N, C-alpha and C. Protein backbone atom coordinates (compact mmCIF):
# COMPACT_ATOMS: atom_id res chain seq x y z
N MET A 1 102.54 42.59 69.78
CA MET A 1 101.81 42.47 70.73
C MET A 1 100.54 41.42 70.76
N PHE A 2 100.19 42.13 69.01
CA PHE A 2 98.93 41.37 68.11
C PHE A 2 99.05 39.95 67.87
N VAL A 3 100.31 40.35 67.42
CA VAL A 3 101.10 38.53 67.53
C VAL A 3 100.99 37.44 68.41
N THR A 4 101.52 37.82 69.69
CA THR A 4 101.51 37.31 70.90
C THR A 4 99.96 37.13 71.33
N LEU A 5 98.98 37.62 71.16
CA LEU A 5 97.74 37.52 71.49
C LEU A 5 97.03 36.39 70.17
N GLY A 6 97.38 36.55 69.09
CA GLY A 6 96.66 36.08 68.19
C GLY A 6 97.41 34.26 68.28
N ILE A 7 98.75 34.32 68.80
CA ILE A 7 99.33 32.56 69.04
C ILE A 7 98.68 32.42 70.19
N LEU A 8 98.77 33.00 71.49
CA LEU A 8 98.00 32.38 72.47
C LEU A 8 96.02 32.06 72.30
N LEU A 9 95.77 32.81 71.87
CA LEU A 9 94.04 32.69 71.30
C LEU A 9 94.16 31.83 70.18
N GLY A 10 95.07 31.08 69.28
CA GLY A 10 94.62 29.95 68.26
C GLY A 10 95.36 28.84 69.47
N CYS A 11 96.32 28.86 70.21
CA CYS A 11 96.95 27.60 71.25
C CYS A 11 95.70 27.43 72.38
N GLY A 12 94.81 28.50 72.83
CA GLY A 12 94.01 27.67 73.37
C GLY A 12 92.87 26.91 72.24
N LEU A 13 92.76 27.42 71.35
CA LEU A 13 91.75 26.86 70.73
C LEU A 13 91.77 25.30 70.04
N LEU A 14 93.24 25.16 69.81
CA LEU A 14 93.58 23.74 69.69
C LEU A 14 93.04 23.64 70.82
N LEU A 15 93.94 23.77 71.67
CA LEU A 15 93.64 22.92 73.57
C LEU A 15 91.86 22.80 73.73
N HIS A 16 91.34 23.75 73.45
CA HIS A 16 89.98 23.67 73.74
C HIS A 16 89.10 22.20 72.77
N ALA A 17 90.48 22.31 71.33
CA ALA A 17 89.50 21.37 70.67
C ALA A 17 90.55 19.90 70.92
N PHE A 18 91.21 19.73 71.19
CA PHE A 18 91.73 18.43 72.06
C PHE A 18 91.19 17.94 73.26
N TYR A 19 90.37 19.11 74.24
CA TYR A 19 89.75 18.75 75.09
C TYR A 19 88.56 17.62 74.68
N HIS A 20 87.71 18.19 73.84
CA HIS A 20 86.33 18.20 73.17
C HIS A 20 86.94 16.76 71.88
N PHE A 21 87.42 16.52 71.41
CA PHE A 21 88.41 15.34 71.28
C PHE A 21 88.40 14.31 72.09
N LEU A 22 89.10 14.11 73.29
CA LEU A 22 89.29 13.20 74.23
C LEU A 22 88.21 12.79 75.05
N ASP A 23 87.37 14.02 75.24
CA ASP A 23 85.36 13.97 75.49
C ASP A 23 84.93 12.54 74.89
N CYS A 24 84.89 13.57 73.49
CA CYS A 24 84.06 12.49 72.19
C CYS A 24 84.65 11.33 72.33
N HIS A 25 85.52 11.38 72.20
CA HIS A 25 86.86 9.68 71.74
C HIS A 25 86.49 8.77 72.82
N ALA A 26 86.26 9.47 74.38
CA ALA A 26 85.58 8.77 75.48
C ALA A 26 84.07 8.40 75.22
N PHE A 27 83.63 9.24 74.54
CA PHE A 27 81.42 9.28 74.64
C PHE A 27 81.63 7.72 73.36
N VAL A 28 82.57 7.47 72.56
CA VAL A 28 82.02 6.91 71.29
C VAL A 28 82.49 5.23 71.98
N ARG A 29 83.72 5.44 72.88
CA ARG A 29 84.50 4.33 73.30
C ARG A 29 83.50 3.74 74.03
N ALA A 30 82.58 4.52 75.17
CA ALA A 30 81.93 3.81 76.31
C ALA A 30 80.76 3.65 75.84
N GLY A 31 80.31 4.38 74.87
CA GLY A 31 79.03 4.56 74.02
C GLY A 31 78.82 3.09 73.91
N VAL A 32 76.87 3.07 73.67
CA VAL A 32 76.58 1.89 73.17
C VAL A 32 75.91 2.41 71.48
N LYS A 33 75.79 1.92 70.19
CA LYS A 33 75.03 2.00 69.15
C LYS A 33 74.27 1.59 69.61
N ALA A 34 72.57 2.47 68.99
CA ALA A 34 71.42 2.27 68.31
C ALA A 34 70.76 2.80 67.03
N THR A 35 69.52 2.47 66.81
CA THR A 35 68.89 3.22 66.12
C THR A 35 67.68 3.60 66.66
N ALA A 36 67.64 5.29 66.28
CA ALA A 36 66.92 6.45 66.55
C ALA A 36 65.65 6.41 65.06
N THR A 37 64.59 7.05 65.69
CA THR A 37 63.50 7.12 64.34
C THR A 37 63.21 8.42 65.14
N VAL A 38 63.43 9.46 64.11
CA VAL A 38 62.93 11.23 64.19
C VAL A 38 60.86 11.08 64.53
N ILE A 39 60.85 11.60 65.38
CA ILE A 39 59.30 11.75 65.72
C ILE A 39 58.73 13.08 66.02
N ALA A 40 59.45 13.83 65.50
CA ALA A 40 59.53 15.61 65.31
C ALA A 40 60.42 16.14 65.04
N ILE A 41 59.77 17.65 64.72
CA ILE A 41 60.66 18.20 64.03
C ILE A 41 60.07 19.62 64.63
N GLU A 42 60.76 20.70 65.33
CA GLU A 42 60.32 21.67 65.62
C GLU A 42 60.92 22.54 65.08
N SER A 43 60.33 23.99 64.85
CA SER A 43 60.68 25.13 64.09
C SER A 43 61.19 26.57 65.60
N GLU A 44 62.75 26.67 65.58
CA GLU A 44 62.38 27.50 66.76
C GLU A 44 63.15 29.05 65.74
N PRO A 45 62.63 29.58 66.45
CA PRO A 45 62.74 30.99 65.65
C PRO A 45 64.59 31.32 66.11
N ASP A 46 65.60 31.85 65.20
CA ASP A 46 66.77 32.48 65.09
C ASP A 46 67.25 33.16 64.70
N ILE A 47 68.36 34.21 65.91
CA ILE A 47 68.68 35.55 64.71
C ILE A 47 69.22 35.52 63.03
N ASP A 48 69.67 34.80 63.41
CA ASP A 48 70.98 34.54 61.79
C ASP A 48 70.47 34.01 60.82
N TYR A 49 69.28 33.02 60.91
CA TYR A 49 68.57 32.16 60.16
C TYR A 49 67.54 32.18 59.76
N GLY A 50 66.76 33.34 60.69
CA GLY A 50 65.13 32.86 60.93
C GLY A 50 63.99 32.12 61.55
N HIS A 51 64.82 30.73 61.59
CA HIS A 51 64.63 29.59 62.04
C HIS A 51 66.02 28.42 61.89
N LEU A 52 65.37 28.07 62.91
CA LEU A 52 66.27 26.25 62.93
C LEU A 52 65.60 25.36 63.26
N TYR A 53 65.52 24.13 62.61
CA TYR A 53 64.94 23.38 62.21
C TYR A 53 65.59 21.97 63.70
N VAL A 54 64.27 21.84 64.38
CA VAL A 54 64.98 20.83 65.64
C VAL A 54 64.65 19.43 65.81
N PRO A 55 65.31 18.52 65.60
CA PRO A 55 64.68 16.94 65.49
C PRO A 55 64.53 16.42 66.75
N THR A 56 63.89 15.93 67.16
CA THR A 56 63.60 14.87 68.65
C THR A 56 63.81 13.61 67.74
N PHE A 57 64.08 12.58 68.39
CA PHE A 57 64.48 11.69 68.10
C PHE A 57 64.14 10.81 69.60
N LYS A 58 63.63 9.11 69.16
CA LYS A 58 63.55 8.49 69.83
C LYS A 58 63.97 7.23 69.65
N PHE A 59 64.69 6.11 70.77
CA PHE A 59 65.20 4.97 70.53
C PHE A 59 65.40 4.13 72.19
N SER A 60 65.77 2.94 71.85
CA SER A 60 65.22 1.92 72.96
C SER A 60 66.95 1.49 73.23
N THR A 61 67.12 1.58 74.39
CA THR A 61 68.26 0.87 74.89
C THR A 61 68.90 -0.80 75.42
N ASP A 62 69.70 -1.15 75.23
CA ASP A 62 70.00 -2.44 75.26
C ASP A 62 69.12 -3.30 76.46
N LYS A 63 68.40 -2.23 76.97
CA LYS A 63 67.78 -2.80 78.53
C LYS A 63 66.28 -2.86 78.30
N GLY A 64 65.97 -2.21 77.04
CA GLY A 64 64.13 -2.10 76.61
C GLY A 64 63.79 -0.81 76.89
N GLU A 65 64.65 0.64 77.39
CA GLU A 65 64.18 1.20 78.20
C GLU A 65 63.72 2.05 76.82
N VAL A 66 62.60 2.80 76.78
CA VAL A 66 62.49 3.74 75.70
C VAL A 66 63.17 5.39 76.49
N HIS A 67 63.57 5.77 74.84
CA HIS A 67 64.10 7.71 75.47
C HIS A 67 64.19 8.53 74.00
N THR A 68 64.50 9.53 74.59
CA THR A 68 63.98 10.85 73.67
C THR A 68 65.04 11.54 73.59
N PHE A 69 65.71 12.38 72.68
CA PHE A 69 66.73 13.86 72.86
C PHE A 69 66.22 14.23 71.42
N ARG A 70 66.97 15.45 71.47
CA ARG A 70 66.64 16.57 70.68
C ARG A 70 68.06 16.75 70.00
N GLY A 71 67.99 16.91 68.54
CA GLY A 71 69.45 16.21 68.33
C GLY A 71 69.92 18.43 67.88
N GLU A 72 71.11 18.18 67.24
CA GLU A 72 71.43 19.64 66.60
C GLU A 72 70.38 20.16 65.85
N GLY A 73 69.81 21.52 65.62
CA GLY A 73 69.00 22.03 64.81
C GLY A 73 69.89 22.54 64.14
N GLY A 74 69.45 23.34 62.72
CA GLY A 74 69.37 23.58 61.38
C GLY A 74 68.98 24.49 61.17
N PRO A 75 69.37 25.23 59.87
CA PRO A 75 68.56 25.81 59.09
C PRO A 75 67.72 25.25 58.03
N LYS A 76 68.29 24.35 57.80
CA LYS A 76 67.55 23.34 56.67
C LYS A 76 67.18 22.62 57.21
N ARG A 77 66.15 21.80 57.02
CA ARG A 77 65.51 21.04 57.27
C ARG A 77 65.68 19.33 56.71
N ARG A 78 66.99 18.90 57.71
CA ARG A 78 67.53 17.54 57.22
C ARG A 78 66.54 16.21 57.59
N TRP A 79 66.23 16.06 58.60
CA TRP A 79 65.59 15.47 59.05
C TRP A 79 63.90 15.51 58.59
N GLN A 80 63.22 14.02 58.32
CA GLN A 80 61.67 14.52 57.78
C GLN A 80 61.42 12.69 59.39
N PRO A 81 59.90 13.31 59.63
CA PRO A 81 59.57 12.66 59.93
C PRO A 81 59.57 11.25 60.05
N ASP A 82 60.16 10.21 61.11
CA ASP A 82 59.88 8.87 60.47
C ASP A 82 60.90 8.28 60.16
N ALA A 83 61.93 9.62 59.82
CA ALA A 83 63.34 8.76 58.92
C ALA A 83 64.11 8.13 60.47
N ILE A 84 65.14 7.37 59.77
CA ILE A 84 65.60 6.46 60.98
C ILE A 84 67.52 6.37 60.76
N THR A 85 67.64 6.54 61.79
CA THR A 85 69.42 6.97 62.21
C THR A 85 70.29 6.40 62.91
N ASP A 86 71.84 6.21 62.85
CA ASP A 86 72.34 5.78 63.87
C ASP A 86 72.49 6.64 65.63
N ILE A 87 72.84 6.26 66.38
CA ILE A 87 73.02 6.88 67.34
C ILE A 87 73.81 6.39 68.50
N ILE A 88 74.35 7.14 69.36
CA ILE A 88 75.50 6.53 69.87
C ILE A 88 75.08 7.44 71.77
N TYR A 89 74.67 5.98 72.69
CA TYR A 89 74.32 6.75 73.69
C TYR A 89 75.56 6.48 74.53
N ASP A 90 75.31 7.07 75.92
CA ASP A 90 75.72 6.73 77.18
C ASP A 90 75.06 5.69 78.13
N PRO A 91 76.06 4.51 78.11
CA PRO A 91 74.53 3.38 78.81
C PRO A 91 74.80 3.81 80.43
N ASN A 92 75.01 4.85 81.16
CA ASN A 92 75.07 5.18 82.56
C ASN A 92 74.06 6.15 82.47
N GLN A 93 73.68 7.01 81.20
CA GLN A 93 72.89 8.53 81.41
C GLN A 93 72.30 8.32 79.93
N PRO A 94 71.21 7.21 79.46
CA PRO A 94 70.92 7.13 78.09
C PRO A 94 69.93 8.57 77.73
N GLU A 95 69.88 9.25 78.39
CA GLU A 95 69.42 10.64 77.78
C GLU A 95 70.65 11.29 77.00
N ARG A 96 71.79 11.23 77.37
CA ARG A 96 73.56 11.58 76.17
C ARG A 96 73.51 11.08 75.01
N ALA A 97 72.74 11.22 74.33
CA ALA A 97 72.82 10.38 73.33
C ALA A 97 73.17 11.27 72.24
N LYS A 98 73.71 11.32 70.94
CA LYS A 98 73.80 12.23 69.52
C LYS A 98 74.55 11.07 68.74
N VAL A 99 73.81 12.13 67.40
CA VAL A 99 73.67 11.28 66.04
C VAL A 99 75.50 10.94 65.95
N TYR A 100 75.41 9.37 65.23
CA TYR A 100 76.21 8.95 65.14
C TYR A 100 77.07 9.19 63.58
N THR A 101 77.25 10.43 63.91
CA THR A 101 78.24 11.08 62.39
C THR A 101 79.64 11.62 62.96
N VAL A 102 79.67 11.61 61.97
CA VAL A 102 81.63 12.57 62.33
C VAL A 102 81.51 13.94 62.83
N MET A 103 80.29 14.94 62.36
CA MET A 103 79.63 15.89 62.88
C MET A 103 79.20 15.74 63.76
N GLY A 104 78.10 15.02 63.99
CA GLY A 104 77.11 14.70 65.34
C GLY A 104 78.14 14.64 66.47
N LEU A 105 79.14 14.22 66.00
CA LEU A 105 80.00 13.81 67.69
C LEU A 105 81.12 14.69 67.85
N TYR A 106 81.71 14.97 66.60
CA TYR A 106 82.75 15.78 66.35
C TYR A 106 82.89 17.63 66.26
N LYS A 107 81.58 17.75 65.94
CA LYS A 107 81.41 19.64 65.72
C LYS A 107 82.59 20.33 66.33
N PRO A 108 82.23 20.63 67.54
CA PRO A 108 83.22 21.20 68.46
C PRO A 108 84.97 21.32 67.83
N VAL A 109 84.92 19.99 67.79
CA VAL A 109 86.43 19.65 67.54
C VAL A 109 87.11 19.97 65.77
N VAL A 110 85.86 20.18 65.03
CA VAL A 110 86.32 20.89 63.86
C VAL A 110 86.00 22.59 63.85
N VAL A 111 85.40 23.04 64.74
CA VAL A 111 84.57 23.76 64.91
C VAL A 111 86.16 25.21 65.25
N ASN A 112 86.41 24.22 66.08
CA ASN A 112 88.08 25.00 67.09
C ASN A 112 89.12 25.05 66.16
N CYS A 113 89.17 23.77 65.41
CA CYS A 113 90.49 23.65 64.22
C CYS A 113 90.49 24.99 63.65
N VAL A 114 89.09 24.25 62.67
CA VAL A 114 88.91 25.82 61.81
C VAL A 114 89.38 27.13 62.04
N ILE A 115 88.71 27.56 63.52
CA ILE A 115 88.91 28.62 63.84
C ILE A 115 90.28 29.28 64.11
N ALA A 116 91.30 27.95 64.66
CA ALA A 116 92.56 28.06 65.07
C ALA A 116 93.49 28.52 64.06
N MET A 117 93.15 27.89 63.12
CA MET A 117 93.76 27.83 61.99
C MET A 117 93.64 29.10 61.13
N ILE A 118 92.47 29.82 60.95
CA ILE A 118 92.16 30.82 60.71
C ILE A 118 92.78 32.28 61.46
N THR A 119 92.83 31.66 63.02
CA THR A 119 93.40 32.67 63.91
C THR A 119 95.03 32.53 63.05
N PHE A 120 95.77 32.05 63.44
CA PHE A 120 96.70 31.58 62.89
C PHE A 120 97.46 32.45 61.82
N ALA A 121 96.70 31.67 60.75
CA ALA A 121 96.60 32.42 59.27
C ALA A 121 96.68 33.91 59.16
N ILE A 122 95.61 34.68 60.21
CA ILE A 122 95.53 36.11 59.78
C ILE A 122 96.57 36.57 60.23
N VAL A 123 97.44 36.06 61.78
CA VAL A 123 98.40 36.65 62.37
C VAL A 123 99.95 36.30 61.81
N PHE A 124 100.09 35.41 60.83
CA PHE A 124 100.93 34.89 60.32
C PHE A 124 101.65 36.27 58.97
N THR A 125 100.24 35.69 58.41
CA THR A 125 100.02 36.77 57.18
C THR A 125 100.35 38.38 57.64
N ALA A 126 99.90 38.67 59.15
CA ALA A 126 99.84 40.01 59.30
C ALA A 126 101.44 40.28 60.09
N ARG A 127 101.57 39.13 60.05
CA ARG A 127 103.71 39.42 60.77
C ARG A 127 104.77 39.53 59.69
N SER A 128 103.99 39.24 58.92
CA SER A 128 104.71 38.59 57.36
C SER A 128 104.86 39.96 56.57
N ASN A 129 103.65 40.67 56.66
CA ASN A 129 103.35 41.92 56.30
C ASN A 129 104.00 43.16 56.65
N ASN A 130 104.46 42.76 58.16
CA ASN A 130 104.96 44.09 58.78
C ASN A 130 106.85 43.59 58.88
N HIS A 131 107.22 42.35 58.62
CA HIS A 131 108.74 42.88 57.75
C HIS A 131 109.05 42.63 56.86
């Protein structure tokens, strides 16, 4: 029973990762690259880390419209005010923007794949110990 549930969980995680990959791939293909500037860094309380540092980016679209978006927070202060980075945004919804890095775009894919692999490793280790 444990093995079956573990395999189902691992497969579900891989399917979820594949869905995120397709979504991110479509976003990158349709997206427009731009340069953004960090305009603020907010510190938010966090249960696990104490504080998360969340950057706010400002960028201009090809049409000259100015937009802002909040990046993904982290326990370390990776960004400094006025830092410049590459981003990608949806031309139909410019407020849907992401930092143009592998982890900025594909983090859900990587996380789901890693958890699936750990799940499979636990299941197959438990299975081989039972035989």
